[in-house]
């Protein structure tokens, strides 16, 4: 996992996301997913840019199907935005970095 990006799993989900205070952005992805590979560098850049303000994590849906099923992930990449453990927004697909930044900035405001 890249610097600043938390590797999420069924095992650490509650500690890292559900019980987390503040904003958490989770990238649901899989190794075989082309659009996931396209958006991965953007997720890493956001982790650096928002270090100390927002937690950015990635969850491999193939290895952690329990969490993926809980949030009804049908297409990947799916990016879900959490505030204080509650889902507040989501986007599906390899979207432009600016779209993700504006959502994060809106949640921080």
N, C-alpha and C. Protein backbone atom coordinates (compact mmCIF):
# COMPACT_ATOMS: atom_id res chain seq x y z
N UNK A 1 0.85 -1.19 0.00
CA UNK A 1 0.00 0.00 0.00
C UNK A 1 0.89 1.24 0.00
N UNK A 2 0.44 2.25 -0.68
CA UNK A 2 1.21 3.48 -0.80
C UNK A 2 1.23 4.25 0.52
N UNK A 3 2.18 5.13 0.62
CA UNK A 3 2.34 5.95 1.82
C UNK A 3 1.06 6.74 2.10
N UNK A 4 0.58 6.65 3.34
CA UNK A 4 -0.61 7.40 3.73
C UNK A 4 -1.93 6.70 3.43
N UNK A 5 -1.88 5.57 2.71
CA UNK A 5 -3.11 4.85 2.38
C UNK A 5 -3.22 3.65 3.32
N UNK A 6 -4.35 3.55 4.02
CA UNK A 6 -4.57 2.47 4.98
C UNK A 6 -5.15 1.26 4.24
N UNK A 7 -4.53 0.10 4.45
CA UNK A 7 -5.06 -1.12 3.86
C UNK A 7 -6.18 -1.63 4.76
N UNK A 8 -7.39 -1.63 4.21
CA UNK A 8 -8.55 -2.02 4.99
C UNK A 8 -8.93 -3.47 4.72
N UNK A 9 -9.56 -4.10 5.72
CA UNK A 9 -9.97 -5.50 5.60
C UNK A 9 -11.20 -5.73 6.46
N UNK A 10 -11.80 -6.92 6.33
CA UNK A 10 -12.90 -7.29 7.21
C UNK A 10 -12.47 -7.15 8.67
N UNK A 11 -11.22 -7.53 8.95
CA UNK A 11 -10.71 -7.57 10.33
C UNK A 11 -10.55 -6.18 10.96
N UNK A 12 -10.07 -5.20 10.18
CA UNK A 12 -9.79 -3.89 10.80
C UNK A 12 -10.84 -2.82 10.44
N UNK A 13 -11.90 -3.21 9.73
CA UNK A 13 -12.91 -2.24 9.26
C UNK A 13 -13.50 -1.42 10.40
N UNK A 14 -13.96 -2.08 11.47
CA UNK A 14 -14.61 -1.34 12.56
C UNK A 14 -13.67 -0.31 13.17
N UNK A 15 -12.43 -0.74 13.46
CA UNK A 15 -11.46 0.17 14.09
C UNK A 15 -11.10 1.33 13.16
N UNK A 16 -10.86 1.04 11.88
CA UNK A 16 -10.36 2.06 10.95
C UNK A 16 -11.46 2.93 10.32
N UNK A 17 -12.69 2.41 10.23
CA UNK A 17 -13.75 3.16 9.55
C UNK A 17 -14.96 3.39 10.45
N UNK A 18 -15.63 2.34 10.88
CA UNK A 18 -16.88 2.47 11.63
C UNK A 18 -16.71 3.27 12.93
N UNK A 19 -15.60 3.06 13.63
CA UNK A 19 -15.37 3.74 14.91
C UNK A 19 -14.49 4.97 14.76
N UNK A 20 -14.18 5.34 13.53
CA UNK A 20 -13.26 6.45 13.28
C UNK A 20 -14.00 7.79 13.35
N UNK A 21 -13.38 8.77 13.98
CA UNK A 21 -13.92 10.12 14.01
C UNK A 21 -13.36 10.90 12.83
N UNK A 22 -14.19 11.76 12.25
CA UNK A 22 -13.73 12.56 11.13
C UNK A 22 -14.07 11.90 9.80
N UNK A 23 -13.38 12.34 8.76
CA UNK A 23 -13.66 11.91 7.39
C UNK A 23 -12.76 10.73 7.01
N UNK A 24 -13.39 9.68 6.46
CA UNK A 24 -12.65 8.53 5.93
C UNK A 24 -13.14 8.31 4.50
N UNK A 25 -12.20 8.18 3.58
CA UNK A 25 -12.52 7.92 2.17
C UNK A 25 -12.01 6.52 1.85
N UNK A 26 -12.90 5.65 1.35
CA UNK A 26 -12.53 4.26 1.09
C UNK A 26 -12.70 3.95 -0.40
N UNK A 27 -11.63 3.44 -0.98
CA UNK A 27 -11.62 2.98 -2.38
C UNK A 27 -11.84 1.48 -2.37
N UNK A 28 -13.00 1.03 -2.85
CA UNK A 28 -13.28 -0.40 -3.01
C UNK A 28 -12.75 -0.81 -4.39
N UNK A 29 -11.83 -1.77 -4.43
CA UNK A 29 -11.14 -2.10 -5.67
C UNK A 29 -10.85 -3.61 -5.74
N UNK A 30 -10.31 -4.04 -6.88
CA UNK A 30 -9.83 -5.42 -7.06
C UNK A 30 -8.65 -5.40 -8.03
N UNK A 31 -7.79 -6.40 -7.90
CA UNK A 31 -6.56 -6.49 -8.69
C UNK A 31 -6.86 -6.52 -10.19
N UNK A 32 -7.90 -7.24 -10.60
CA UNK A 32 -8.22 -7.45 -12.02
C UNK A 32 -8.94 -6.27 -12.67
N UNK A 33 -9.26 -5.24 -11.91
CA UNK A 33 -10.10 -4.13 -12.37
C UNK A 33 -9.26 -3.02 -13.02
N UNK A 34 -9.44 -2.83 -14.34
CA UNK A 34 -8.69 -1.79 -15.07
C UNK A 34 -8.95 -0.39 -14.56
N UNK A 35 -10.22 0.04 -14.42
CA UNK A 35 -10.48 1.39 -13.90
C UNK A 35 -9.92 1.60 -12.49
N UNK A 36 -9.84 0.52 -11.70
CA UNK A 36 -9.25 0.62 -10.35
C UNK A 36 -7.77 1.01 -10.45
N UNK A 37 -7.08 0.42 -11.43
CA UNK A 37 -5.66 0.74 -11.62
C UNK A 37 -5.50 2.18 -12.11
N UNK A 38 -6.47 2.65 -12.89
CA UNK A 38 -6.41 4.03 -13.41
C UNK A 38 -6.54 5.04 -12.26
N UNK A 39 -7.44 4.76 -11.31
CA UNK A 39 -7.71 5.73 -10.24
C UNK A 39 -6.73 5.59 -9.06
N UNK A 40 -6.01 4.48 -8.98
CA UNK A 40 -5.10 4.24 -7.85
C UNK A 40 -4.11 5.38 -7.59
N UNK A 41 -3.42 5.93 -8.63
CA UNK A 41 -2.49 7.04 -8.36
C UNK A 41 -3.21 8.27 -7.80
N UNK A 42 -4.43 8.51 -8.21
CA UNK A 42 -5.22 9.64 -7.70
C UNK A 42 -5.49 9.45 -6.21
N UNK A 43 -5.86 8.24 -5.82
CA UNK A 43 -6.12 7.94 -4.40
C UNK A 43 -4.85 8.19 -3.58
N UNK A 44 -3.70 7.76 -4.12
CA UNK A 44 -2.42 7.96 -3.42
C UNK A 44 -2.09 9.45 -3.29
N UNK A 45 -2.35 10.23 -4.35
CA UNK A 45 -2.11 11.67 -4.29
C UNK A 45 -3.00 12.33 -3.24
N UNK A 46 -4.27 11.93 -3.19
CA UNK A 46 -5.20 12.50 -2.20
C UNK A 46 -4.74 12.17 -0.78
N UNK A 47 -4.23 10.95 -0.58
CA UNK A 47 -3.74 10.55 0.75
C UNK A 47 -2.62 11.48 1.21
N UNK A 48 -1.74 11.86 0.28
CA UNK A 48 -0.64 12.77 0.62
C UNK A 48 -1.17 14.19 0.86
N UNK A 49 -2.04 14.66 -0.04
CA UNK A 49 -2.55 16.03 0.05
C UNK A 49 -3.38 16.27 1.30
N UNK A 50 -4.13 15.25 1.72
CA UNK A 50 -5.02 15.42 2.88
C UNK A 50 -4.49 14.74 4.14
N UNK A 51 -3.20 14.42 4.15
CA UNK A 51 -2.59 13.77 5.32
C UNK A 51 -2.86 14.60 6.58
N UNK A 52 -3.31 13.93 7.63
CA UNK A 52 -3.59 14.61 8.89
C UNK A 52 -5.00 15.19 8.96
N UNK A 53 -5.70 15.26 7.83
CA UNK A 53 -7.06 15.82 7.80
C UNK A 53 -8.10 14.76 7.48
N UNK A 54 -7.74 13.83 6.59
CA UNK A 54 -8.67 12.80 6.11
C UNK A 54 -7.93 11.47 6.07
N UNK A 55 -8.62 10.41 6.50
CA UNK A 55 -8.04 9.06 6.39
C UNK A 55 -8.47 8.49 5.04
N UNK A 56 -7.50 8.00 4.27
CA UNK A 56 -7.79 7.40 2.97
C UNK A 56 -7.41 5.92 3.05
N UNK A 57 -8.35 5.06 2.67
CA UNK A 57 -8.09 3.63 2.72
C UNK A 57 -8.54 2.93 1.45
N UNK A 58 -8.01 1.72 1.28
CA UNK A 58 -8.39 0.88 0.13
C UNK A 58 -8.81 -0.47 0.67
N UNK A 59 -9.91 -1.00 0.09
CA UNK A 59 -10.39 -2.31 0.49
C UNK A 59 -10.51 -3.18 -0.75
N UNK A 60 -9.77 -4.29 -0.77
CA UNK A 60 -9.82 -5.24 -1.87
C UNK A 60 -11.12 -6.04 -1.73
N UNK A 61 -12.04 -5.86 -2.69
CA UNK A 61 -13.36 -6.49 -2.58
C UNK A 61 -13.30 -8.01 -2.73
N UNK A 62 -12.32 -8.52 -3.46
CA UNK A 62 -12.19 -9.97 -3.61
C UNK A 62 -11.79 -10.64 -2.30
N UNK A 63 -10.90 -9.98 -1.56
CA UNK A 63 -10.38 -10.55 -0.32
C UNK A 63 -11.26 -10.22 0.89
N UNK A 64 -12.16 -9.24 0.75
CA UNK A 64 -12.97 -8.76 1.87
C UNK A 64 -14.43 -8.61 1.46
N UNK A 65 -15.00 -9.70 1.00
CA UNK A 65 -16.36 -9.65 0.44
C UNK A 65 -17.42 -9.32 1.49
N UNK A 66 -17.12 -9.59 2.77
CA UNK A 66 -18.09 -9.29 3.84
C UNK A 66 -18.40 -7.79 3.88
N UNK A 67 -17.36 -6.96 3.91
CA UNK A 67 -17.56 -5.51 3.94
C UNK A 67 -18.16 -5.02 2.62
N UNK A 68 -17.66 -5.54 1.50
CA UNK A 68 -18.18 -5.14 0.19
C UNK A 68 -19.68 -5.43 0.10
N UNK A 69 -20.10 -6.58 0.60
CA UNK A 69 -21.52 -6.94 0.58
C UNK A 69 -22.34 -6.02 1.49
N UNK A 70 -21.78 -5.66 2.64
CA UNK A 70 -22.48 -4.79 3.60
C UNK A 70 -22.84 -3.45 2.95
N UNK A 71 -21.94 -2.94 2.08
CA UNK A 71 -22.18 -1.64 1.43
C UNK A 71 -22.71 -1.80 0.01
N UNK A 72 -23.13 -3.04 -0.32
CA UNK A 72 -23.77 -3.34 -1.61
C UNK A 72 -22.95 -2.84 -2.80
N UNK A 73 -21.65 -3.16 -2.78
CA UNK A 73 -20.76 -2.76 -3.87
C UNK A 73 -21.06 -3.63 -5.09
N UNK A 74 -21.57 -3.00 -6.14
CA UNK A 74 -21.92 -3.72 -7.36
C UNK A 74 -20.91 -3.48 -8.48
N UNK A 75 -20.32 -2.28 -8.50
CA UNK A 75 -19.33 -1.93 -9.51
C UNK A 75 -18.11 -1.34 -8.83
N UNK A 76 -16.95 -1.61 -9.41
CA UNK A 76 -15.73 -1.03 -8.84
C UNK A 76 -14.96 -0.32 -9.95
N UNK A 77 -14.18 0.70 -9.61
CA UNK A 77 -14.00 1.20 -8.25
C UNK A 77 -15.25 1.95 -7.74
N UNK A 78 -15.53 1.75 -6.47
CA UNK A 78 -16.53 2.55 -5.76
C UNK A 78 -15.79 3.27 -4.65
N UNK A 79 -15.96 4.57 -4.58
CA UNK A 79 -15.34 5.37 -3.52
C UNK A 79 -16.46 5.81 -2.58
N UNK A 80 -16.36 5.41 -1.30
CA UNK A 80 -17.38 5.81 -0.32
C UNK A 80 -16.75 6.77 0.69
N UNK A 81 -17.50 7.82 0.99
CA UNK A 81 -17.07 8.84 1.93
C UNK A 81 -17.83 8.65 3.24
N UNK A 82 -17.08 8.57 4.35
CA UNK A 82 -17.67 8.39 5.68
C UNK A 82 -17.35 9.59 6.54
N UNK A 83 -18.30 9.95 7.40
CA UNK A 83 -18.05 10.97 8.44
C UNK A 83 -18.45 10.33 9.76
N UNK A 84 -17.50 10.28 10.70
CA UNK A 84 -17.74 9.68 12.02
C UNK A 84 -18.36 8.29 11.91
N UNK A 85 -17.88 7.49 10.95
CA UNK A 85 -18.31 6.11 10.80
C UNK A 85 -19.56 5.90 9.97
N UNK A 86 -20.21 6.99 9.56
CA UNK A 86 -21.45 6.89 8.79
C UNK A 86 -21.20 7.22 7.32
N UNK A 87 -21.76 6.41 6.41
CA UNK A 87 -21.63 6.69 4.98
C UNK A 87 -22.41 7.96 4.65
N UNK A 88 -21.72 8.91 3.99
CA UNK A 88 -22.38 10.17 3.64
C UNK A 88 -22.44 10.42 2.13
N UNK A 89 -21.61 9.72 1.35
CA UNK A 89 -21.61 9.95 -0.09
C UNK A 89 -20.85 8.80 -0.76
N UNK A 90 -21.02 8.68 -2.09
CA UNK A 90 -20.22 7.70 -2.83
C UNK A 90 -20.20 8.06 -4.31
N UNK A 91 -19.15 7.61 -4.98
CA UNK A 91 -19.06 7.72 -6.43
C UNK A 91 -18.62 6.35 -6.95
N UNK A 92 -19.06 6.02 -8.17
CA UNK A 92 -18.68 4.76 -8.79
C UNK A 92 -17.96 5.08 -10.09
N UNK A 93 -16.83 4.40 -10.31
CA UNK A 93 -16.07 4.58 -11.53
C UNK A 93 -14.82 5.39 -11.31
N UNK A 94 -13.97 5.41 -12.34
CA UNK A 94 -12.72 6.17 -12.29
C UNK A 94 -13.05 7.63 -12.62
N UNK A 95 -13.36 8.39 -11.59
CA UNK A 95 -13.76 9.79 -11.77
C UNK A 95 -12.53 10.70 -11.69
N UNK A 96 -12.64 11.92 -12.23
CA UNK A 96 -11.50 12.86 -12.16
C UNK A 96 -11.15 13.22 -10.71
N UNK A 97 -9.87 13.48 -10.50
CA UNK A 97 -9.38 13.84 -9.17
C UNK A 97 -10.14 15.03 -8.60
N UNK A 98 -10.43 16.02 -9.44
CA UNK A 98 -11.10 17.23 -8.97
C UNK A 98 -12.47 16.92 -8.38
N UNK A 99 -13.16 15.92 -8.94
CA UNK A 99 -14.48 15.53 -8.41
C UNK A 99 -14.34 14.97 -6.99
N UNK A 100 -13.31 14.16 -6.76
CA UNK A 100 -13.07 13.61 -5.43
C UNK A 100 -12.66 14.71 -4.46
N UNK A 101 -11.78 15.61 -4.92
CA UNK A 101 -11.33 16.72 -4.07
C UNK A 101 -12.52 17.59 -3.65
N UNK A 102 -13.43 17.88 -4.56
CA UNK A 102 -14.54 18.76 -4.21
C UNK A 102 -15.47 18.09 -3.19
N UNK A 103 -15.64 16.78 -3.29
CA UNK A 103 -16.44 16.06 -2.29
C UNK A 103 -15.76 16.10 -0.92
N UNK A 104 -14.44 15.85 -0.90
CA UNK A 104 -13.70 15.87 0.36
C UNK A 104 -13.73 17.28 0.96
N UNK A 105 -13.48 18.29 0.14
CA UNK A 105 -13.48 19.67 0.63
C UNK A 105 -14.84 20.05 1.20
N UNK A 106 -15.91 19.57 0.55
CA UNK A 106 -17.25 19.84 1.03
C UNK A 106 -17.50 19.21 2.39
N UNK A 107 -16.97 18.01 2.60
CA UNK A 107 -17.13 17.33 3.89
C UNK A 107 -16.28 17.99 4.99
N UNK A 108 -15.15 18.56 4.60
CA UNK A 108 -14.28 19.22 5.58
C UNK A 108 -14.80 20.60 5.97
N UNK A 109 -15.59 21.21 5.08
CA UNK A 109 -16.06 22.60 5.31
C UNK A 109 -17.04 22.67 6.47
